[in-house]
N, C-alpha and C. Protein backbone atom coordinates (compact mmCIF):
# COMPACT_ATOMS: atom_id res chain seq x y z
N MET A 1 -24.57 -6.87 12.52
CA MET A 1 -25.04 -5.39 12.57
C MET A 1 -26.16 -5.90 11.83
N SER A 2 -27.31 -4.96 12.39
CA SER A 2 -28.62 -5.22 11.70
C SER A 2 -28.82 -4.24 9.95
N GLU A 3 -29.60 -5.01 9.46
CA GLU A 3 -29.47 -4.29 8.07
C GLU A 3 -30.52 -3.34 8.29
N PRO A 4 -30.00 -2.16 7.11
CA PRO A 4 -30.87 -0.78 7.17
C PRO A 4 -32.19 -1.02 6.44
N HIS A 5 -33.07 -0.23 6.64
CA HIS A 5 -34.42 -0.10 6.17
C HIS A 5 -34.05 0.30 4.58
N ILE A 6 -34.80 -0.01 3.61
CA ILE A 6 -34.36 0.54 2.37
C ILE A 6 -35.69 1.57 2.31
N ALA A 7 -34.83 2.57 1.91
CA ALA A 7 -35.90 4.13 1.92
C ALA A 7 -36.70 4.10 0.51
N ASP A 8 -35.70 3.84 -0.28
CA ASP A 8 -35.94 3.82 -2.03
C ASP A 8 -35.17 2.98 -2.78
N ARG A 9 -35.39 2.48 -3.73
CA ARG A 9 -34.72 1.95 -4.62
C ARG A 9 -34.03 2.71 -5.68
N LYS A 10 -33.93 3.78 -5.63
CA LYS A 10 -33.04 4.49 -6.49
C LYS A 10 -32.34 5.70 -5.90
N PRO A 11 -31.38 6.11 -6.68
CA PRO A 11 -30.64 7.53 -5.65
C PRO A 11 -31.68 8.93 -5.54
N CYS A 12 -31.12 9.51 -4.64
CA CYS A 12 -31.60 11.01 -4.46
C CYS A 12 -30.57 11.58 -4.74
N ILE A 13 -31.01 12.32 -6.45
CA ILE A 13 -30.31 12.94 -6.89
C ILE A 13 -30.37 14.53 -6.60
N LEU A 14 -29.36 15.39 -5.81
CA LEU A 14 -29.65 16.26 -5.37
C LEU A 14 -28.67 17.24 -5.74
N GLU A 15 -28.48 18.83 -5.66
CA GLU A 15 -27.63 19.68 -6.09
C GLU A 15 -27.52 20.43 -4.53
N LEU A 16 -26.28 20.09 -4.05
CA LEU A 16 -25.82 20.51 -2.82
C LEU A 16 -25.01 21.64 -2.95
N GLU A 17 -25.54 22.59 -1.80
CA GLU A 17 -24.42 23.97 -1.43
C GLU A 17 -23.50 23.24 -0.78
N PRO A 18 -22.15 24.23 -0.38
CA PRO A 18 -21.06 23.61 0.25
C PRO A 18 -21.72 23.66 1.69
N GLY A 19 -20.98 22.70 2.75
CA GLY A 19 -21.71 22.86 3.95
C GLY A 19 -21.43 21.66 4.37
N THR A 20 -21.82 21.03 5.54
CA THR A 20 -22.08 19.64 6.15
C THR A 20 -23.34 19.07 6.35
N TYR A 21 -23.27 17.78 5.75
CA TYR A 21 -24.63 16.97 5.81
C TYR A 21 -24.67 16.09 6.64
N LYS A 22 -25.85 15.54 7.05
CA LYS A 22 -25.75 14.34 8.00
C LYS A 22 -26.53 13.29 6.82
N TRP A 23 -25.80 12.07 6.41
CA TRP A 23 -26.68 11.04 5.53
C TRP A 23 -27.31 10.32 6.44
N CYS A 24 -28.41 9.56 6.07
CA CYS A 24 -29.18 8.60 7.10
C CYS A 24 -28.59 7.60 6.61
N ARG A 25 -28.03 6.58 7.52
CA ARG A 25 -27.91 5.17 7.33
C ARG A 25 -28.82 4.14 7.89
N CYS A 26 -29.91 4.24 8.64
CA CYS A 26 -30.84 3.27 8.96
C CYS A 26 -31.51 3.33 8.01
N GLY A 27 -32.01 4.51 7.33
CA GLY A 27 -32.98 4.58 6.45
C GLY A 27 -34.44 4.77 7.01
N LEU A 28 -34.60 5.10 8.18
CA LEU A 28 -35.81 5.64 8.83
C LEU A 28 -36.56 6.75 8.80
N SER A 29 -35.36 7.33 8.19
CA SER A 29 -35.55 9.05 8.32
C SER A 29 -36.68 9.68 7.48
N GLN A 30 -37.92 10.18 7.96
CA GLN A 30 -38.47 11.27 7.02
C GLN A 30 -37.92 11.83 6.10
N LYS A 31 -36.87 12.46 6.27
CA LYS A 31 -36.14 13.41 5.39
C LYS A 31 -35.43 12.75 4.30
N GLN A 32 -35.30 11.60 3.89
CA GLN A 32 -34.37 10.94 3.11
C GLN A 32 -33.85 12.08 2.25
N PRO A 33 -32.36 11.79 1.51
CA PRO A 33 -31.37 11.17 2.32
C PRO A 33 -30.79 11.17 3.45
N PHE A 34 -31.38 12.50 4.35
CA PHE A 34 -30.68 13.02 5.48
C PHE A 34 -31.24 12.49 6.85
N CYS A 35 -30.65 12.85 7.55
CA CYS A 35 -30.85 12.01 9.01
C CYS A 35 -32.20 13.21 9.73
N ASP A 36 -32.98 12.76 10.38
CA ASP A 36 -33.72 13.48 10.99
C ASP A 36 -33.76 12.75 12.57
N GLY A 37 -32.76 11.94 12.92
CA GLY A 37 -32.61 11.39 14.50
C GLY A 37 -33.62 10.03 14.39
N SER A 38 -34.13 9.67 13.72
CA SER A 38 -35.35 8.30 13.38
C SER A 38 -34.31 7.11 13.82
N HIS A 39 -33.00 7.10 13.97
CA HIS A 39 -32.21 5.90 14.22
C HIS A 39 -31.97 6.05 15.69
N ALA A 40 -32.53 6.86 16.45
CA ALA A 40 -32.70 6.77 18.22
C ALA A 40 -33.17 5.54 18.61
N GLY A 41 -32.15 4.93 19.71
CA GLY A 41 -32.61 3.38 19.99
C GLY A 41 -32.03 2.29 18.88
N THR A 42 -31.46 2.59 17.97
CA THR A 42 -30.83 1.62 16.67
C THR A 42 -29.51 1.60 16.93
N GLU A 43 -28.79 0.57 16.42
CA GLU A 43 -27.20 0.79 16.36
C GLU A 43 -26.80 1.60 15.45
N PHE A 44 -27.44 2.37 14.65
CA PHE A 44 -27.21 2.86 13.42
C PHE A 44 -26.86 4.54 13.96
N THR A 45 -26.07 5.31 13.26
CA THR A 45 -25.32 6.57 13.34
C THR A 45 -25.40 7.08 12.17
N PRO A 46 -25.72 8.39 12.05
CA PRO A 46 -25.96 8.91 10.67
C PRO A 46 -24.35 9.32 10.14
N LEU A 47 -23.96 9.40 8.73
CA LEU A 47 -22.62 9.66 8.38
C LEU A 47 -22.56 11.19 8.11
N ALA A 48 -21.88 12.00 8.52
CA ALA A 48 -21.42 13.54 8.30
C ALA A 48 -20.44 13.54 7.17
N PHE A 49 -20.73 14.28 6.28
CA PHE A 49 -19.87 14.76 4.90
C PHE A 49 -20.20 15.99 4.97
N THR A 50 -18.90 16.37 4.20
CA THR A 50 -18.53 17.77 4.00
C THR A 50 -18.70 18.18 2.21
N VAL A 51 -19.39 19.11 1.64
CA VAL A 51 -19.26 19.28 0.53
C VAL A 51 -18.62 20.52 0.26
N THR A 52 -17.88 21.06 -0.25
CA THR A 52 -16.82 22.03 -0.14
C THR A 52 -17.19 23.10 -1.53
N GLU A 53 -17.66 22.55 -2.46
CA GLU A 53 -18.25 23.59 -3.42
C GLU A 53 -19.67 23.16 -3.90
N LYS A 54 -20.19 23.84 -4.53
CA LYS A 54 -21.88 23.42 -5.11
C LYS A 54 -21.51 22.03 -5.89
N LYS A 55 -22.31 21.12 -5.89
CA LYS A 55 -22.26 20.00 -7.01
C LYS A 55 -23.41 19.39 -6.76
N ARG A 56 -23.92 18.29 -7.77
CA ARG A 56 -24.97 17.77 -8.09
C ARG A 56 -24.38 16.12 -7.49
N MET A 57 -24.93 15.56 -6.85
CA MET A 57 -24.64 14.43 -5.90
C MET A 57 -25.91 13.27 -6.05
N ALA A 58 -25.64 12.05 -6.28
CA ALA A 58 -26.49 10.90 -6.49
C ALA A 58 -26.20 10.00 -4.97
N LEU A 59 -26.84 10.63 -4.00
CA LEU A 59 -26.81 9.69 -2.71
C LEU A 59 -28.05 8.62 -2.37
N CYS A 60 -26.80 7.70 -2.13
CA CYS A 60 -27.85 6.39 -1.55
C CYS A 60 -28.95 6.15 -0.81
N ALA A 61 -30.27 5.69 -1.59
CA ALA A 61 -31.20 5.74 -0.65
C ALA A 61 -31.98 4.09 -0.34
N CYS A 62 -30.70 3.23 -0.92
CA CYS A 62 -31.34 1.85 -0.39
C CYS A 62 -30.53 1.51 1.07
N LYS A 63 -29.58 2.37 1.37
CA LYS A 63 -28.59 2.43 2.17
C LYS A 63 -27.53 1.23 2.29
N HIS A 64 -27.62 0.27 1.06
CA HIS A 64 -26.40 -0.92 0.92
C HIS A 64 -25.29 -0.23 0.10
N THR A 65 -25.24 0.90 -0.01
CA THR A 65 -23.95 1.33 -0.94
C THR A 65 -22.84 1.05 -0.28
N LYS A 66 -21.85 0.60 -0.90
CA LYS A 66 -20.36 0.17 -0.31
C LYS A 66 -19.38 1.52 -0.34
N HIS A 67 -20.34 3.07 -1.07
CA HIS A 67 -19.34 4.15 -1.20
C HIS A 67 -20.33 5.22 -0.27
N GLU A 68 -20.58 4.82 0.70
CA GLU A 68 -21.35 5.91 1.48
C GLU A 68 -20.50 7.38 1.56
N PRO A 69 -21.47 8.42 1.19
CA PRO A 69 -22.95 8.37 1.13
C PRO A 69 -23.57 8.19 -0.48
N ASN A 70 -22.65 7.94 -1.34
CA ASN A 70 -22.80 7.99 -2.79
C ASN A 70 -23.49 6.74 -3.32
N CYS A 71 -24.28 6.74 -4.20
CA CYS A 71 -25.02 5.67 -4.75
C CYS A 71 -23.69 5.08 -5.49
N ASP A 72 -23.81 3.35 -5.49
CA ASP A 72 -23.16 2.91 -6.24
C ASP A 72 -23.60 1.88 -7.16
N GLY A 73 -25.19 1.82 -7.29
CA GLY A 73 -25.84 0.89 -8.09
C GLY A 73 -26.40 -0.15 -7.58
N THR A 74 -25.75 -0.49 -5.96
CA THR A 74 -26.49 -1.53 -5.24
C THR A 74 -27.91 -1.58 -5.30
N HIS A 75 -28.95 -0.69 -5.35
CA HIS A 75 -30.10 -0.95 -5.31
C HIS A 75 -30.53 -1.82 -6.29
N SER A 76 -30.00 -2.00 -7.68
CA SER A 76 -30.26 -2.50 -8.50
C SER A 76 -30.45 -3.94 -8.31
N LYS A 77 -29.53 -4.58 -7.44
CA LYS A 77 -29.20 -5.96 -7.15
C LYS A 77 -29.91 -6.51 -6.01
N LEU A 78 -30.67 -5.19 -5.22
CA LEU A 78 -31.37 -5.75 -4.21
C LEU A 78 -32.54 -6.84 -4.30
N GLU A 79 -32.81 -7.64 -3.36
CA GLU A 79 -34.45 -8.57 -3.75
C GLU A 79 -35.27 -7.59 -3.39
N THR A 80 -36.44 -8.03 -3.81
CA THR A 80 -37.75 -7.27 -3.29
C THR A 80 -38.34 -7.73 -2.35
């Protein structure tokens, strides 16, 4: 599998309302951390996840987390 583009080297910390979201896995979306369809023509697909109650989340922007879509600190270990 190809390596995703690193959209940012820090998480996107957001207050999310209940609903279903599509987290960008490719790193190419202009609407980070969410998918805008920029993965078209790549092997990546977005990850749909559901929030059942309003909550603050740290969503991964480096796209290398092992706990999709949540940030696990991997961005601090990536080479520049």
